[in-house]
Amino acid sequence: MKFDLITQLGDDDPVFKTAFGKATSIADLDRLDVAAAYATSSGIPVLTGAIGCNIEVSRWVIGIDDAVSQPSAIEHLRDMLGSEVRLASSGPRLRFHPKIYQLWSSNRPEMCVSYVGSGNFTSNGLARNVEAGVVLSAESIEEAGILRSQWQTMWNHGHPLNQAGLDVYKQAYMSLRAARKKTDEKIKRKVLDDDLIGKILGINHQPKFDGTPWSAAVAWLECGTASAGGRDLEFPAAMVPFFRLTGDSAKRL
């Protein structure tokens, strides 16, 4: 079995698109199977743009644990021509957490290409985060069977999608999204901010100053002149509106 290790190191790293596109640029590959823990609408064009062949039929197993997968992404996949979607969950204490992106041929049983890695079915997971994985290309019917069997296990774990269930999931997703936004902002502000992460890792997490205003962490604005032995601060008349100083407050300063 051929393999190509993928190490994705940062923002808009094309390594997944390059490696997966090269491995799947075979005309006889016409089926796509995906099993992913989390899916977002932004991940769909990244994946389809990386595939090097035309796909007629696709199957998708999307995790709904923690209500992270976007309902809009699930609907998009469901509405694609030749597509079938299942939803999966592993219960309150476990997570459905695979990331398998597999293409195979409906008329050549020895052909199968599978990407297995850490990247979720999102634009961040497939193009931006630091991720690792491997592209596996079968070289025999037996090897193709092994790859397809791994994905089939994920498919068997899923449950057929129905509109009533999706409507319930949408409500849960929206409720949790609002709660997460409020909680995440509070946690980041009070607990795990960039400074604390830098201390944990022993690094300076602040961006380096490159001489441009937008790269500065601190800005110094000279706006007035000290007078009366340092007891007063005199502002040029043009600066008064900027500080919203009017009437007596402006006179005192």
Protein backbone atom coordinates (compact mmCIF):
# COMPACT_ATOMS: atom_id res chain seq x y z
CA MET A 1 0.00 0.00 0.00
CA LYS A 2 1.33 3.43 -0.92
CA PHE A 3 1.29 6.13 1.71
CA ASP A 4 1.99 9.84 1.89
CA LEU A 5 2.38 11.47 5.30
CA ILE A 6 0.75 14.89 5.63
CA THR A 7 1.99 17.54 8.04
CA GLN A 8 -0.07 20.71 7.88
CA LEU A 9 1.70 23.54 9.67
CA GLY A 10 -0.38 26.66 9.45
CA ASP A 11 -2.78 29.07 7.85
CA ASP A 12 -3.76 28.17 4.27
CA ASP A 13 -1.15 25.42 4.05
CA PRO A 14 -1.89 23.65 0.71
CA VAL A 15 -0.38 20.31 1.75
CA PHE A 16 -3.73 18.49 2.08
CA LYS A 17 -5.07 19.82 -1.20
CA THR A 18 -1.82 18.98 -2.99
CA ALA A 19 -1.38 15.47 -1.59
CA PHE A 20 -5.03 14.42 -1.73
CA GLY A 21 -5.55 15.94 -5.17
CA LYS A 22 -2.54 14.08 -6.56
CA ALA A 23 -3.61 10.75 -5.04
CA THR A 24 -7.21 11.06 -6.27
CA SER A 25 -6.54 12.30 -9.81
CA ILE A 26 -7.58 8.94 -11.24
CA ALA A 27 -10.53 8.85 -13.62
CA ASP A 28 -11.97 5.57 -12.30
CA LEU A 29 -12.46 6.90 -8.77
CA ASP A 30 -16.15 7.83 -8.68
CA ARG A 31 -17.37 7.24 -5.11
CA LEU A 32 -16.72 9.37 -2.02
CA ASP A 33 -17.18 8.24 1.59
CA VAL A 34 -16.58 10.59 4.52
CA ALA A 35 -16.78 10.02 8.27
CA ALA A 36 -16.07 13.13 10.32
CA ALA A 37 -16.56 14.15 13.93
CA TYR A 38 -17.43 17.75 13.12
CA ALA A 39 -18.52 19.38 9.87
CA THR A 40 -19.03 23.00 8.83
CA SER A 41 -20.18 24.53 5.58
CA SER A 42 -16.72 26.04 5.09
CA GLY A 43 -15.18 22.58 4.93
CA ILE A 44 -17.24 21.43 1.94
CA PRO A 45 -15.54 23.54 -0.78
CA VAL A 46 -12.12 22.79 0.73
CA LEU A 47 -12.69 19.04 0.41
CA THR A 48 -14.40 19.11 -2.99
CA GLY A 49 -11.72 21.47 -4.28
CA ALA A 50 -9.00 19.05 -3.19
CA ILE A 51 -10.48 15.98 -4.91
CA GLY A 52 -8.82 15.35 -8.25
CA CYS A 53 -11.66 13.43 -9.93
CA ASN A 54 -15.39 13.64 -10.60
CA ILE A 55 -17.67 12.11 -7.94
CA GLU A 56 -21.08 10.70 -8.83
CA VAL A 57 -22.13 9.21 -5.48
CA SER A 58 -21.18 10.19 -1.93
CA ARG A 59 -21.94 9.02 1.59
CA TRP A 60 -21.40 11.04 4.75
CA VAL A 61 -21.36 10.11 8.43
CA ILE A 62 -21.33 13.31 10.47
CA GLY A 63 -20.91 13.48 14.24
CA ILE A 64 -23.40 15.50 16.28
CA ASP A 65 -21.77 15.13 19.71
CA ASP A 66 -21.64 18.49 21.54
CA ALA A 67 -23.72 20.01 18.69
CA VAL A 68 -20.63 21.33 16.92
CA SER A 69 -21.47 20.26 13.36
CA GLN A 70 -23.43 22.98 11.57
CA PRO A 71 -27.00 22.07 10.55
CA SER A 72 -26.45 24.07 7.33
CA ALA A 73 -23.52 21.80 6.44
CA ILE A 74 -25.62 18.68 7.04
CA GLU A 75 -28.42 20.08 4.86
CA HIS A 76 -25.95 21.00 2.13
CA LEU A 77 -24.57 17.45 2.05
CA ARG A 78 -28.07 15.96 2.10
CA ASP A 79 -29.16 18.05 -0.88
CA MET A 80 -26.18 17.17 -3.05
CA LEU A 81 -27.00 14.98 -6.05
CA GLY A 82 -26.24 11.31 -5.34
CA SER A 83 -25.62 11.96 -1.64
CA GLU A 84 -26.68 10.02 1.46
CA VAL A 85 -26.14 11.30 5.00
CA ARG A 86 -26.13 9.59 8.38
CA LEU A 87 -25.67 11.19 11.80
CA ALA A 88 -23.60 9.62 14.57
CA SER A 89 -23.14 10.02 18.30
CA SER A 90 -21.32 8.01 20.93
CA GLY A 91 -23.33 9.12 23.93
CA PRO A 92 -22.86 11.59 26.80
CA ARG A 93 -19.39 10.49 27.94
CA LEU A 94 -17.78 9.45 24.64
CA ARG A 95 -17.35 11.13 21.26
CA PHE A 96 -17.80 10.02 17.67
CA HIS A 97 -14.41 11.33 16.58
CA PRO A 98 -13.10 9.84 13.29
CA LYS A 99 -11.79 11.79 10.31
CA ILE A 100 -11.78 9.58 7.21
CA TYR A 101 -12.02 10.91 3.65
CA GLN A 102 -12.13 8.03 1.16
CA LEU A 103 -12.54 7.62 -2.58
CA TRP A 104 -13.01 4.34 -4.41
CA SER A 105 -14.04 2.94 -7.77
CA SER A 106 -17.39 1.29 -8.47
CA ASN A 107 -15.94 -0.76 -11.33
CA ARG A 108 -12.32 -1.39 -10.26
CA PRO A 109 -12.29 -3.09 -6.85
CA GLU A 110 -8.55 -2.65 -6.39
CA MET A 111 -8.78 1.15 -6.40
CA CYS A 112 -9.26 3.04 -3.15
CA VAL A 113 -7.63 6.16 -1.67
CA SER A 114 -8.18 7.09 1.96
CA TYR A 115 -7.03 10.10 3.96
CA VAL A 116 -7.03 9.41 7.70
CA GLY A 117 -5.86 12.16 10.01
CA SER A 118 -6.62 14.68 12.71
CA GLY A 119 -8.36 17.28 10.52
CA ASN A 120 -12.08 17.74 10.97
CA PHE A 121 -14.38 18.40 8.03
CA THR A 122 -13.91 22.17 8.36
CA SER A 123 -11.84 24.77 6.54
CA ASN A 124 -9.63 25.03 9.62
CA GLY A 125 -9.16 21.28 9.87
CA LEU A 126 -8.34 20.78 6.19
CA ALA A 127 -6.43 23.97 5.40
CA ARG A 128 -5.49 26.08 8.43
CA ASN A 129 -4.89 24.26 11.71
CA VAL A 130 -1.72 22.37 12.58
CA GLU A 131 -2.78 18.82 11.67
CA ALA A 132 -1.27 15.46 10.75
CA GLY A 133 -2.50 12.54 8.69
CA VAL A 134 -1.72 10.03 5.99
CA VAL A 135 -3.02 9.39 2.46
CA LEU A 136 -3.27 5.65 1.84
CA SER A 137 -3.53 4.32 -1.71
CA ALA A 138 -4.46 0.66 -2.17
CA GLU A 139 -2.46 -1.43 -4.63
CA SER A 140 -4.63 -4.55 -4.58
CA ILE A 141 -8.20 -5.73 -4.04
CA GLU A 142 -7.26 -6.92 -0.57
CA GLU A 143 -5.80 -3.58 0.45
CA ALA A 144 -8.79 -1.70 -0.97
CA GLY A 145 -11.04 -4.01 1.02
CA ILE A 146 -9.20 -3.17 4.25
CA LEU A 147 -9.60 0.56 3.69
CA ARG A 148 -13.27 0.31 2.75
CA SER A 149 -13.97 -1.94 5.72
CA GLN A 150 -12.60 0.69 8.10
CA TRP A 151 -14.96 3.31 6.71
CA GLN A 152 -17.89 0.86 6.61
CA THR A 153 -17.57 0.47 10.37
CA MET A 154 -18.20 4.20 10.72
CA TRP A 155 -21.17 4.03 8.34
CA ASN A 156 -22.71 1.21 10.37
CA HIS A 157 -22.37 3.36 13.49
CA GLY A 158 -24.45 6.15 11.93
CA HIS A 159 -28.22 6.61 11.83
CA PRO A 160 -30.28 7.63 8.79
CA LEU A 161 -31.02 11.34 8.60
CA ASN A 162 -34.64 12.46 8.86
CA GLN A 163 -36.08 15.98 8.84
CA ALA A 164 -37.77 15.69 12.24
CA GLY A 165 -34.51 14.71 13.89
CA LEU A 166 -32.62 17.43 12.05
CA ASP A 167 -35.11 20.06 13.26
CA VAL A 168 -34.52 18.99 16.86
CA TYR A 169 -30.76 19.12 16.30
CA LYS A 170 -31.05 22.65 14.85
CA GLN A 171 -32.74 23.87 18.01
CA ALA A 172 -30.07 22.28 20.20
CA TYR A 173 -27.31 23.71 18.02
CA MET A 174 -28.64 27.26 18.18
CA SER A 175 -29.19 27.12 21.95
CA LEU A 176 -25.72 25.75 22.62
CA ARG A 177 -24.13 28.16 20.18
CA ALA A 178 -25.49 31.14 22.10
CA ALA A 179 -24.44 29.66 25.43
CA ARG A 180 -20.97 28.79 24.15
CA LYS A 181 -20.37 32.25 22.78
CA LYS A 182 -21.13 33.84 26.11
CA THR A 183 -19.13 31.28 28.09
CA ASP A 184 -16.15 31.19 25.73
CA GLU A 185 -15.76 34.96 25.85
CA LYS A 186 -15.90 34.91 29.64
CA ILE A 187 -13.35 32.10 29.91
CA LYS A 188 -10.96 33.69 27.44
CA ARG A 189 -11.27 37.05 29.13
CA LYS A 190 -10.84 35.81 32.71
CA VAL A 191 -9.11 32.43 32.59
CA LEU A 192 -7.24 31.29 29.49
CA ASP A 193 -6.18 34.42 27.63
CA ASP A 194 -3.19 34.69 25.28
CA ASP A 195 -0.87 35.84 28.08
CA LEU A 196 -1.65 32.77 30.18
CA ILE A 197 -1.17 30.44 27.22
CA GLY A 198 2.23 32.05 26.67
CA LYS A 199 3.16 31.39 30.30
CA ILE A 200 2.03 27.75 30.04
CA LEU A 201 4.13 27.19 26.91
CA GLY A 202 7.01 29.38 28.05
CA ILE A 203 6.77 31.64 25.02
CA ASN A 204 5.88 35.23 24.24
CA HIS A 205 2.43 34.86 22.72
CA GLN A 206 2.22 38.51 21.73
CA PRO A 207 2.80 39.31 18.05
CA LYS A 208 6.20 40.75 17.18
CA PHE A 209 6.46 44.43 16.28
CA ASP A 210 7.55 44.81 12.66
CA GLY A 211 7.49 48.59 12.51
CA THR A 212 3.91 48.91 11.31
CA PRO A 213 1.16 50.43 13.52
CA TRP A 214 -1.06 47.34 13.31
CA SER A 215 1.67 45.07 14.70
CA ALA A 216 2.17 47.18 17.84
CA ALA A 217 0.93 45.89 21.20
CA VAL A 218 1.20 49.34 22.83
CA ALA A 219 0.76 52.78 21.27
CA TRP A 220 1.96 56.12 22.69
CA LEU A 221 -0.02 59.19 21.77
CA GLU A 222 1.40 62.58 22.65
CA CYS A 223 -1.67 64.72 23.06
CA GLY A 224 -0.88 67.53 25.50
CA THR A 225 1.73 69.52 27.34
CA ALA A 226 2.23 69.50 31.10
CA SER A 227 2.01 72.91 32.78
CA ALA A 228 1.66 74.42 36.25
CA GLY A 229 4.46 72.26 37.56
CA GLY A 230 2.83 69.10 36.26
CA ARG A 231 -0.53 69.80 37.87
CA ASP A 232 -2.26 70.66 34.60
CA LEU A 233 -2.32 69.22 31.10
CA GLU A 234 -2.86 71.56 28.19
CA PHE A 235 -4.47 70.19 25.03
CA PRO A 236 -4.25 71.83 21.62
CA ALA A 237 -7.67 73.11 20.62
CA ALA A 238 -7.82 70.61 17.75
CA MET A 239 -7.50 67.68 20.19
CA VAL A 240 -10.33 68.76 22.53
CA PRO A 241 -13.18 67.21 20.48
CA PHE A 242 -11.23 63.94 20.19
CA PHE A 243 -11.32 63.55 23.99
CA ARG A 244 -14.88 64.90 24.20
CA LEU A 245 -13.79 67.70 26.50
CA THR A 246 -16.35 70.48 26.66
CA GLY A 247 -17.36 73.30 28.95
CA ASP A 248 -15.92 73.31 32.47
CA SER A 249 -14.04 70.05 32.04
CA ALA A 250 -12.08 71.53 29.15
CA LYS A 251 -11.32 74.64 31.18
CA ARG A 252 -10.11 72.61 34.15
CA LEU A 253 -7.69 70.73 31.96
